[in-house]
Amino acid sequence: MPWNRAAGLALLIAAVGCSPLAAGSTSAQGSASAAPAAAAPVHPVSGLTVVPLTVRTAGGPHVFQVEVAASPAEQERGLMFREKMGADEGMIFPMAAPRPIAFWMKNTVIPLDIIFIGPDHKVLNVAANAVPYDETPLPSDGNASGVLELNGGRAAQIGLKPGDTVTW
């Protein structure tokens, strides 16, 4: 969907960072288990719950430890101001209801691969090597039920492409 600046600004969340540009509530949709949140580890920098996430590519499964940005406030902050992230770390943004969405890189220090995930847990598209601090909206190619952020270039390293499966 093409970016329409006037329409997009009406949807903008009133925050900065690598955050969704479409408003809406969120939930921890797609969780692999129903274990209590207290049992899950917490990231030392963000304080967010960390869960395993599996990406299945033609080359096989790849497991990441991802922070869950579930609330609007957590999604607004995203990975902004973060100076580093491990190769097998990332952040997942689960959406309460699938919808077209766009992310940007305002106040985001490290390059990221932004992976849009459809309701069927299949990758819709990848915005590879998103440029730090760039405010250009990077849209999903359809209704996204989640967005995964990895270090820039990591998607290419593991051969991730549209149609691959992501579960968390």
N, C-alpha and C. Protein backbone atom coordinates (compact mmCIF):
# COMPACT_ATOMS: atom_id res chain seq x y z
N MET A 1 0.85 -1.16 0.00
CA MET A 1 0.00 0.00 0.00
C MET A 1 0.89 1.22 0.00
N PRO A 2 0.66 2.16 -0.89
CA PRO A 2 1.51 3.34 -0.95
C PRO A 2 1.31 4.23 0.28
N TRP A 3 2.37 4.88 0.68
CA TRP A 3 2.33 5.78 1.83
C TRP A 3 1.68 7.09 1.41
N ASN A 4 0.61 7.46 2.10
CA ASN A 4 -0.06 8.74 1.88
C ASN A 4 0.22 9.56 3.12
N ARG A 5 1.05 10.60 2.99
CA ARG A 5 1.51 11.36 4.16
C ARG A 5 0.35 11.91 4.99
N ALA A 6 -0.67 12.49 4.36
CA ALA A 6 -1.79 13.07 5.10
C ALA A 6 -2.56 11.98 5.85
N ALA A 7 -2.85 10.88 5.16
CA ALA A 7 -3.58 9.79 5.81
C ALA A 7 -2.71 9.12 6.86
N GLY A 8 -1.42 8.98 6.54
CA GLY A 8 -0.49 8.32 7.47
C GLY A 8 -0.33 9.09 8.76
N LEU A 9 -0.28 10.40 8.67
CA LEU A 9 -0.12 11.20 9.89
C LEU A 9 -1.32 11.05 10.81
N ALA A 10 -2.49 10.82 10.23
CA ALA A 10 -3.67 10.62 11.05
C ALA A 10 -3.58 9.32 11.83
N LEU A 11 -2.80 8.37 11.30
CA LEU A 11 -2.66 7.07 11.95
C LEU A 11 -1.46 6.99 12.88
N LEU A 12 -0.62 7.99 12.83
CA LEU A 12 0.63 7.94 13.57
C LEU A 12 0.43 7.83 15.07
N ILE A 13 1.13 6.93 15.68
CA ILE A 13 1.12 6.84 17.14
C ILE A 13 1.92 8.02 17.66
N ALA A 14 1.46 8.64 18.71
CA ALA A 14 2.06 9.87 19.20
C ALA A 14 3.35 9.60 19.96
N ALA A 15 4.26 8.90 19.31
CA ALA A 15 5.54 8.61 19.95
C ALA A 15 6.61 8.53 18.88
N VAL A 16 7.82 8.34 19.30
CA VAL A 16 8.93 8.23 18.37
C VAL A 16 9.54 6.86 18.51
N GLY A 17 10.42 6.53 17.59
CA GLY A 17 11.13 5.27 17.64
C GLY A 17 10.72 4.36 16.52
N CYS A 18 11.33 3.21 16.49
CA CYS A 18 10.98 2.21 15.48
C CYS A 18 9.70 1.58 15.96
N SER A 19 8.61 2.23 15.64
CA SER A 19 7.34 1.82 16.19
C SER A 19 6.30 1.76 15.09
N PRO A 20 5.20 1.06 15.35
CA PRO A 20 4.17 0.98 14.33
C PRO A 20 3.57 2.34 14.06
N LEU A 21 3.23 2.58 12.80
CA LEU A 21 2.63 3.84 12.41
C LEU A 21 1.13 3.74 12.28
N ALA A 22 0.55 2.63 12.64
CA ALA A 22 -0.90 2.48 12.65
C ALA A 22 -1.34 2.29 14.08
N ALA A 23 -2.36 3.00 14.48
CA ALA A 23 -2.81 2.92 15.87
C ALA A 23 -3.61 1.65 16.09
N GLY A 24 -3.65 1.19 17.33
CA GLY A 24 -4.45 0.03 17.67
C GLY A 24 -3.94 -0.59 18.94
N SER A 25 -4.76 -1.41 19.54
CA SER A 25 -4.34 -2.08 20.76
C SER A 25 -3.59 -3.35 20.40
N THR A 26 -2.89 -3.91 21.37
CA THR A 26 -2.09 -5.08 21.11
C THR A 26 -2.35 -6.14 22.16
N SER A 27 -1.95 -7.34 21.83
CA SER A 27 -1.99 -8.44 22.79
C SER A 27 -0.88 -9.40 22.45
N ALA A 28 -0.56 -10.29 23.31
CA ALA A 28 0.50 -11.26 23.08
C ALA A 28 -0.04 -12.43 22.26
N GLN A 29 -0.54 -12.13 21.10
CA GLN A 29 -1.11 -13.11 20.21
C GLN A 29 -0.02 -14.00 19.65
N GLY A 30 -0.29 -15.28 19.49
CA GLY A 30 0.65 -16.18 18.87
C GLY A 30 1.64 -16.78 19.85
N SER A 31 1.45 -16.65 21.13
CA SER A 31 2.36 -17.20 22.10
C SER A 31 2.41 -18.71 21.97
N ALA A 32 3.60 -19.26 22.11
CA ALA A 32 3.77 -20.69 21.96
C ALA A 32 3.25 -21.45 23.18
N SER A 33 3.23 -20.83 24.35
CA SER A 33 2.75 -21.54 25.53
C SER A 33 1.93 -20.60 26.39
N ALA A 34 1.21 -21.18 27.33
CA ALA A 34 0.37 -20.39 28.22
C ALA A 34 1.03 -20.23 29.58
N ALA A 35 2.35 -20.34 29.64
CA ALA A 35 3.07 -20.21 30.91
C ALA A 35 2.89 -18.81 31.46
N PRO A 36 2.84 -18.66 32.77
CA PRO A 36 2.68 -17.34 33.37
C PRO A 36 3.86 -16.44 32.99
N ALA A 37 3.57 -15.15 32.84
CA ALA A 37 4.59 -14.19 32.45
C ALA A 37 5.74 -14.16 33.45
N ALA A 38 5.46 -14.42 34.73
CA ALA A 38 6.49 -14.40 35.76
C ALA A 38 7.54 -15.47 35.51
N ALA A 39 7.20 -16.56 34.83
CA ALA A 39 8.13 -17.64 34.57
C ALA A 39 9.09 -17.31 33.43
N ALA A 40 8.73 -16.36 32.58
CA ALA A 40 9.55 -16.02 31.43
C ALA A 40 10.67 -15.06 31.84
N PRO A 41 11.83 -15.17 31.21
CA PRO A 41 12.92 -14.24 31.52
C PRO A 41 12.58 -12.82 31.07
N VAL A 42 13.26 -11.87 31.67
CA VAL A 42 13.04 -10.46 31.37
C VAL A 42 14.35 -9.88 30.84
N HIS A 43 14.26 -9.05 29.79
CA HIS A 43 15.45 -8.45 29.20
C HIS A 43 16.03 -7.41 30.16
N PRO A 44 17.36 -7.42 30.38
CA PRO A 44 17.97 -6.51 31.35
C PRO A 44 17.91 -5.03 30.96
N VAL A 45 17.80 -4.70 29.68
CA VAL A 45 17.75 -3.30 29.26
C VAL A 45 16.32 -2.80 29.20
N SER A 46 15.45 -3.54 28.51
CA SER A 46 14.07 -3.06 28.29
C SER A 46 13.11 -3.43 29.42
N GLY A 47 13.40 -4.51 30.14
CA GLY A 47 12.47 -5.00 31.15
C GLY A 47 11.32 -5.79 30.55
N LEU A 48 11.35 -6.03 29.23
CA LEU A 48 10.29 -6.78 28.57
C LEU A 48 10.50 -8.28 28.72
N THR A 49 9.41 -9.02 28.65
CA THR A 49 9.47 -10.47 28.67
C THR A 49 10.21 -10.96 27.43
N VAL A 50 11.04 -11.98 27.60
CA VAL A 50 11.79 -12.58 26.50
C VAL A 50 11.24 -13.98 26.27
N VAL A 51 10.93 -14.29 25.00
CA VAL A 51 10.39 -15.60 24.63
C VAL A 51 11.17 -16.14 23.44
N PRO A 52 11.17 -17.47 23.27
CA PRO A 52 11.78 -18.03 22.06
C PRO A 52 10.86 -17.81 20.87
N LEU A 53 11.44 -17.56 19.72
CA LEU A 53 10.72 -17.38 18.47
C LEU A 53 11.46 -18.20 17.42
N THR A 54 10.72 -18.96 16.62
CA THR A 54 11.33 -19.81 15.60
C THR A 54 10.95 -19.32 14.21
N VAL A 55 11.96 -19.15 13.37
CA VAL A 55 11.76 -18.82 11.96
C VAL A 55 12.13 -20.08 11.18
N ARG A 56 11.18 -20.56 10.35
CA ARG A 56 11.45 -21.74 9.53
C ARG A 56 11.65 -21.28 8.08
N THR A 57 12.89 -21.43 7.60
CA THR A 57 13.25 -21.07 6.23
C THR A 57 13.55 -22.36 5.46
N ALA A 58 13.87 -22.22 4.19
CA ALA A 58 14.25 -23.38 3.38
C ALA A 58 15.49 -24.05 3.96
N GLY A 59 16.33 -23.28 4.66
CA GLY A 59 17.54 -23.81 5.27
C GLY A 59 17.32 -24.48 6.62
N GLY A 60 16.10 -24.45 7.13
CA GLY A 60 15.79 -25.06 8.41
C GLY A 60 15.35 -24.04 9.44
N PRO A 61 15.12 -24.51 10.67
CA PRO A 61 14.65 -23.59 11.72
C PRO A 61 15.79 -22.77 12.32
N HIS A 62 15.46 -21.55 12.71
CA HIS A 62 16.38 -20.64 13.39
C HIS A 62 15.65 -20.10 14.61
N VAL A 63 16.24 -20.28 15.78
CA VAL A 63 15.58 -19.86 17.03
C VAL A 63 16.23 -18.57 17.52
N PHE A 64 15.37 -17.61 17.85
CA PHE A 64 15.78 -16.33 18.39
C PHE A 64 15.17 -16.16 19.77
N GLN A 65 15.80 -15.37 20.61
CA GLN A 65 15.23 -14.94 21.88
C GLN A 65 14.77 -13.50 21.66
N VAL A 66 13.46 -13.28 21.73
CA VAL A 66 12.92 -11.97 21.39
C VAL A 66 12.18 -11.33 22.56
N GLU A 67 12.31 -10.03 22.66
CA GLU A 67 11.55 -9.25 23.62
C GLU A 67 10.16 -9.06 23.05
N VAL A 68 9.14 -9.14 23.90
CA VAL A 68 7.77 -8.98 23.45
C VAL A 68 7.30 -7.57 23.79
N ALA A 69 7.08 -6.77 22.74
CA ALA A 69 6.54 -5.41 22.89
C ALA A 69 5.03 -5.53 22.69
N ALA A 70 4.30 -5.78 23.77
CA ALA A 70 2.88 -6.09 23.68
C ALA A 70 1.97 -4.88 23.87
N SER A 71 2.33 -3.99 24.76
CA SER A 71 1.45 -2.85 25.04
C SER A 71 1.74 -1.70 24.07
N PRO A 72 0.81 -0.77 23.93
CA PRO A 72 1.07 0.40 23.07
C PRO A 72 2.34 1.15 23.49
N ALA A 73 2.57 1.32 24.77
CA ALA A 73 3.77 2.04 25.24
C ALA A 73 5.04 1.27 24.86
N GLU A 74 5.02 -0.05 25.02
CA GLU A 74 6.18 -0.87 24.65
C GLU A 74 6.43 -0.81 23.15
N GLN A 75 5.36 -0.81 22.37
CA GLN A 75 5.50 -0.76 20.93
C GLN A 75 5.97 0.62 20.47
N GLU A 76 5.56 1.66 21.15
CA GLU A 76 6.02 3.00 20.80
C GLU A 76 7.52 3.12 20.99
N ARG A 77 8.04 2.54 22.05
CA ARG A 77 9.48 2.63 22.34
C ARG A 77 10.28 1.68 21.46
N GLY A 78 9.78 0.48 21.27
CA GLY A 78 10.48 -0.49 20.44
C GLY A 78 11.95 -0.61 20.79
N LEU A 79 12.79 -0.57 19.78
CA LEU A 79 14.24 -0.68 19.98
C LEU A 79 14.95 0.67 19.89
N MET A 80 14.19 1.76 20.05
CA MET A 80 14.86 3.05 19.94
C MET A 80 15.89 3.22 21.05
N PHE A 81 16.95 3.89 20.69
CA PHE A 81 18.09 4.20 21.56
C PHE A 81 18.95 2.98 21.90
N ARG A 82 18.56 1.79 21.45
CA ARG A 82 19.35 0.58 21.71
C ARG A 82 20.60 0.63 20.84
N GLU A 83 21.75 0.40 21.46
CA GLU A 83 23.01 0.51 20.73
C GLU A 83 23.52 -0.81 20.18
N LYS A 84 23.02 -1.91 20.69
CA LYS A 84 23.44 -3.21 20.19
C LYS A 84 22.40 -4.26 20.53
N MET A 85 22.48 -5.36 19.77
CA MET A 85 21.58 -6.49 19.99
C MET A 85 22.31 -7.72 19.50
N GLY A 86 22.19 -8.82 20.22
CA GLY A 86 22.86 -10.05 19.84
C GLY A 86 22.33 -10.60 18.52
N ALA A 87 23.14 -11.45 17.86
CA ALA A 87 22.78 -12.01 16.56
C ALA A 87 21.48 -12.82 16.61
N ASP A 88 21.22 -13.47 17.72
CA ASP A 88 20.02 -14.29 17.84
C ASP A 88 18.99 -13.68 18.78
N GLU A 89 18.98 -12.35 18.82
CA GLU A 89 18.00 -11.60 19.60
C GLU A 89 17.15 -10.75 18.66
N GLY A 90 16.03 -10.27 19.17
CA GLY A 90 15.16 -9.42 18.38
C GLY A 90 14.01 -8.92 19.23
N MET A 91 13.02 -8.35 18.57
CA MET A 91 11.81 -7.88 19.25
C MET A 91 10.61 -8.23 18.38
N ILE A 92 9.55 -8.75 19.03
CA ILE A 92 8.31 -9.07 18.34
C ILE A 92 7.23 -8.09 18.80
N PHE A 93 6.45 -7.63 17.84
CA PHE A 93 5.35 -6.71 18.07
C PHE A 93 4.06 -7.43 17.67
N PRO A 94 3.40 -8.13 18.58
CA PRO A 94 2.15 -8.80 18.22
C PRO A 94 1.02 -7.78 18.09
N MET A 95 0.18 -7.96 17.09
CA MET A 95 -0.97 -7.07 16.85
C MET A 95 -2.25 -7.76 17.31
N ALA A 96 -3.14 -7.03 17.96
CA ALA A 96 -4.40 -7.59 18.44
C ALA A 96 -5.27 -8.04 17.28
N ALA A 97 -5.29 -7.25 16.23
CA ALA A 97 -6.07 -7.58 15.04
C ALA A 97 -5.20 -7.33 13.81
N PRO A 98 -5.17 -8.28 12.87
CA PRO A 98 -4.35 -8.07 11.67
C PRO A 98 -4.79 -6.81 10.93
N ARG A 99 -3.79 -6.05 10.45
CA ARG A 99 -4.07 -4.81 9.73
C ARG A 99 -2.83 -4.38 8.97
N PRO A 100 -3.01 -3.55 7.94
CA PRO A 100 -1.84 -2.97 7.29
C PRO A 100 -1.12 -2.08 8.30
N ILE A 101 0.18 -2.12 8.30
CA ILE A 101 0.94 -1.36 9.27
C ILE A 101 2.25 -0.90 8.63
N ALA A 102 2.81 0.17 9.16
CA ALA A 102 4.12 0.64 8.70
C ALA A 102 4.97 0.97 9.92
N PHE A 103 6.26 0.73 9.81
CA PHE A 103 7.21 1.07 10.86
C PHE A 103 8.17 2.11 10.30
N TRP A 104 8.83 2.82 11.22
CA TRP A 104 9.86 3.77 10.84
C TRP A 104 11.02 3.62 11.80
N MET A 105 12.10 4.36 11.55
CA MET A 105 13.33 4.18 12.32
C MET A 105 13.72 5.42 13.14
N LYS A 106 12.79 6.30 13.39
CA LYS A 106 13.11 7.50 14.17
C LYS A 106 13.67 7.08 15.53
N ASN A 107 14.80 7.68 15.91
CA ASN A 107 15.47 7.42 17.18
C ASN A 107 15.97 5.99 17.34
N THR A 108 16.09 5.26 16.24
CA THR A 108 16.61 3.90 16.29
C THR A 108 18.05 3.93 15.79
N VAL A 109 18.96 3.49 16.65
CA VAL A 109 20.39 3.65 16.43
C VAL A 109 20.97 2.57 15.50
N ILE A 110 20.50 1.34 15.62
CA ILE A 110 21.09 0.24 14.85
C ILE A 110 20.23 -0.09 13.63
N PRO A 111 20.85 -0.50 12.51
CA PRO A 111 20.06 -0.92 11.35
C PRO A 111 19.28 -2.18 11.71
N LEU A 112 18.08 -2.28 11.18
CA LEU A 112 17.21 -3.42 11.50
C LEU A 112 16.61 -4.03 10.24
N ASP A 113 16.32 -5.31 10.30
CA ASP A 113 15.45 -5.97 9.34
C ASP A 113 14.07 -5.98 9.99
N ILE A 114 13.08 -5.45 9.29
CA ILE A 114 11.72 -5.40 9.82
C ILE A 114 10.90 -6.41 9.02
N ILE A 115 10.43 -7.44 9.72
CA ILE A 115 9.76 -8.57 9.09
C ILE A 115 8.29 -8.53 9.45
N PHE A 116 7.45 -8.38 8.43
CA PHE A 116 6.00 -8.31 8.63
C PHE A 116 5.42 -9.71 8.50
N ILE A 117 4.61 -10.11 9.48
CA ILE A 117 4.09 -11.47 9.58
C ILE A 117 2.58 -11.45 9.47
N GLY A 118 2.03 -12.29 8.59
CA GLY A 118 0.59 -12.36 8.38
C GLY A 118 -0.11 -13.19 9.44
N PRO A 119 -1.45 -13.20 9.42
CA PRO A 119 -2.24 -13.95 10.39
C PRO A 119 -1.96 -15.45 10.37
N ASP A 120 -1.46 -15.95 9.25
CA ASP A 120 -1.13 -17.38 9.13
C ASP A 120 0.30 -17.68 9.57
N HIS A 121 0.97 -16.69 10.19
CA HIS A 121 2.36 -16.78 10.66
C HIS A 121 3.37 -16.87 9.53
N LYS A 122 2.94 -16.54 8.30
CA LYS A 122 3.85 -16.52 7.15
C LYS A 122 4.40 -15.10 6.98
N VAL A 123 5.65 -15.01 6.57
CA VAL A 123 6.28 -13.71 6.32
C VAL A 123 5.62 -13.07 5.11
N LEU A 124 5.12 -11.85 5.29
CA LEU A 124 4.54 -11.07 4.20
C LEU A 124 5.62 -10.41 3.37
N ASN A 125 6.51 -9.69 4.04
CA ASN A 125 7.61 -8.99 3.39
C ASN A 125 8.65 -8.62 4.43
N VAL A 126 9.83 -8.26 3.92
CA VAL A 126 10.96 -7.88 4.78
C VAL A 126 11.45 -6.51 4.32
N ALA A 127 11.51 -5.57 5.24
CA ALA A 127 12.17 -4.28 4.99
C ALA A 127 13.60 -4.47 5.51
N ALA A 128 14.50 -4.83 4.59
CA ALA A 128 15.87 -5.20 4.97
C ALA A 128 16.74 -3.98 5.21
N ASN A 129 17.59 -4.10 6.23
CA ASN A 129 18.57 -3.05 6.55
C ASN A 129 17.96 -1.66 6.62
N ALA A 130 16.87 -1.54 7.39
CA ALA A 130 16.26 -0.22 7.58
C ALA A 130 17.31 0.73 8.16
N VAL A 131 17.34 1.93 7.63
CA VAL A 131 18.38 2.91 7.94
C VAL A 131 18.09 3.59 9.28
N PRO A 132 19.07 3.58 10.20
CA PRO A 132 18.89 4.26 11.48
C PRO A 132 18.44 5.71 11.30
N TYR A 133 17.54 6.13 12.15
CA TYR A 133 17.00 7.49 12.24
C TYR A 133 16.10 7.91 11.06
N ASP A 134 15.92 7.05 10.08
CA ASP A 134 15.11 7.39 8.90
C ASP A 134 13.63 7.37 9.27
N GLU A 135 12.92 8.41 8.90
CA GLU A 135 11.49 8.50 9.21
C GLU A 135 10.60 8.07 8.04
N THR A 136 11.18 7.47 7.02
CA THR A 136 10.40 6.97 5.90
C THR A 136 9.58 5.76 6.36
N PRO A 137 8.27 5.78 6.18
CA PRO A 137 7.45 4.63 6.58
C PRO A 137 7.79 3.39 5.75
N LEU A 138 7.91 2.26 6.42
CA LEU A 138 8.17 0.98 5.79
C LEU A 138 6.92 0.12 6.00
N PRO A 139 6.09 -0.05 4.95
CA PRO A 139 4.79 -0.70 5.12
C PRO A 139 4.80 -2.21 4.93
N SER A 140 3.80 -2.84 5.53
CA SER A 140 3.55 -4.27 5.32
C SER A 140 2.90 -4.46 3.96
N ASP A 141 3.10 -5.64 3.37
CA ASP A 141 2.45 -6.00 2.11
C ASP A 141 1.18 -6.78 2.43
N GLY A 142 0.29 -6.19 3.20
CA GLY A 142 -0.96 -6.85 3.57
C GLY A 142 -1.22 -6.69 5.05
N ASN A 143 -2.20 -7.45 5.54
CA ASN A 143 -2.57 -7.39 6.95
C ASN A 143 -1.55 -8.15 7.79
N ALA A 144 -0.91 -7.44 8.71
CA ALA A 144 0.10 -8.05 9.58
C ALA A 144 -0.50 -8.35 10.95
N SER A 145 -0.18 -9.52 11.48
CA SER A 145 -0.58 -9.85 12.84
C SER A 145 0.60 -9.75 13.79
N GLY A 146 1.77 -9.51 13.23
CA GLY A 146 2.96 -9.33 14.04
C GLY A 146 4.08 -8.75 13.20
N VAL A 147 5.04 -8.13 13.88
CA VAL A 147 6.22 -7.59 13.22
C VAL A 147 7.42 -8.02 14.05
N LEU A 148 8.42 -8.56 13.37
CA LEU A 148 9.65 -9.01 14.01
C LEU A 148 10.78 -8.09 13.58
N GLU A 149 11.56 -7.64 14.55
CA GLU A 149 12.75 -6.85 14.25
C GLU A 149 13.99 -7.64 14.63
N LEU A 150 14.90 -7.76 13.67
CA LEU A 150 16.20 -8.41 13.88
C LEU A 150 17.29 -7.43 13.47
N ASN A 151 18.53 -7.74 13.82
CA ASN A 151 19.64 -6.92 13.36
C ASN A 151 19.64 -6.84 11.84
N GLY A 152 20.00 -5.67 11.31
CA GLY A 152 20.05 -5.49 9.87
C GLY A 152 20.95 -6.52 9.22
N GLY A 153 20.47 -7.16 8.17
CA GLY A 153 21.22 -8.17 7.45
C GLY A 153 21.00 -9.59 7.95
N ARG A 154 20.42 -9.74 9.13
CA ARG A 154 20.24 -11.08 9.71
C ARG A 154 19.26 -11.92 8.91
N ALA A 155 18.20 -11.31 8.38
CA ALA A 155 17.23 -12.05 7.57
C ALA A 155 17.92 -12.68 6.36
N ALA A 156 18.77 -11.93 5.69
CA ALA A 156 19.50 -12.46 4.53
C ALA A 156 20.45 -13.57 4.96
N GLN A 157 21.10 -13.41 6.11
CA GLN A 157 22.04 -14.43 6.59
C GLN A 157 21.38 -15.78 6.77
N ILE A 158 20.13 -15.79 7.23
CA ILE A 158 19.44 -17.07 7.46
C ILE A 158 18.56 -17.46 6.28
N GLY A 159 18.55 -16.65 5.23
CA GLY A 159 17.75 -16.96 4.05
C GLY A 159 16.27 -16.72 4.21
N LEU A 160 15.89 -15.84 5.14
CA LEU A 160 14.47 -15.56 5.39
C LEU A 160 13.86 -14.81 4.21
N LYS A 161 12.67 -15.24 3.80
CA LYS A 161 11.99 -14.60 2.68
C LYS A 161 10.48 -14.72 2.85
N PRO A 162 9.71 -13.96 2.07
CA PRO A 162 8.25 -14.08 2.15
C PRO A 162 7.80 -15.54 1.97
N GLY A 163 6.82 -15.91 2.79
CA GLY A 163 6.32 -17.28 2.76
C GLY A 163 6.89 -18.16 3.86
N ASP A 164 8.05 -17.77 4.43
CA ASP A 164 8.61 -18.53 5.54
C ASP A 164 7.70 -18.38 6.77
N THR A 165 7.84 -19.28 7.72
CA THR A 165 6.97 -19.31 8.89
C THR A 165 7.66 -18.78 10.13
N VAL A 166 6.93 -17.99 10.93
CA VAL A 166 7.44 -17.44 12.18
C VAL A 166 6.46 -17.82 13.29
N THR A 167 6.96 -18.46 14.36
CA THR A 167 6.10 -18.81 15.50
C THR A 167 6.77 -18.37 16.80
N TRP A 168 5.91 -17.91 17.72
CA TRP A 168 6.39 -17.49 19.04
C TRP A 168 5.35 -17.82 20.07
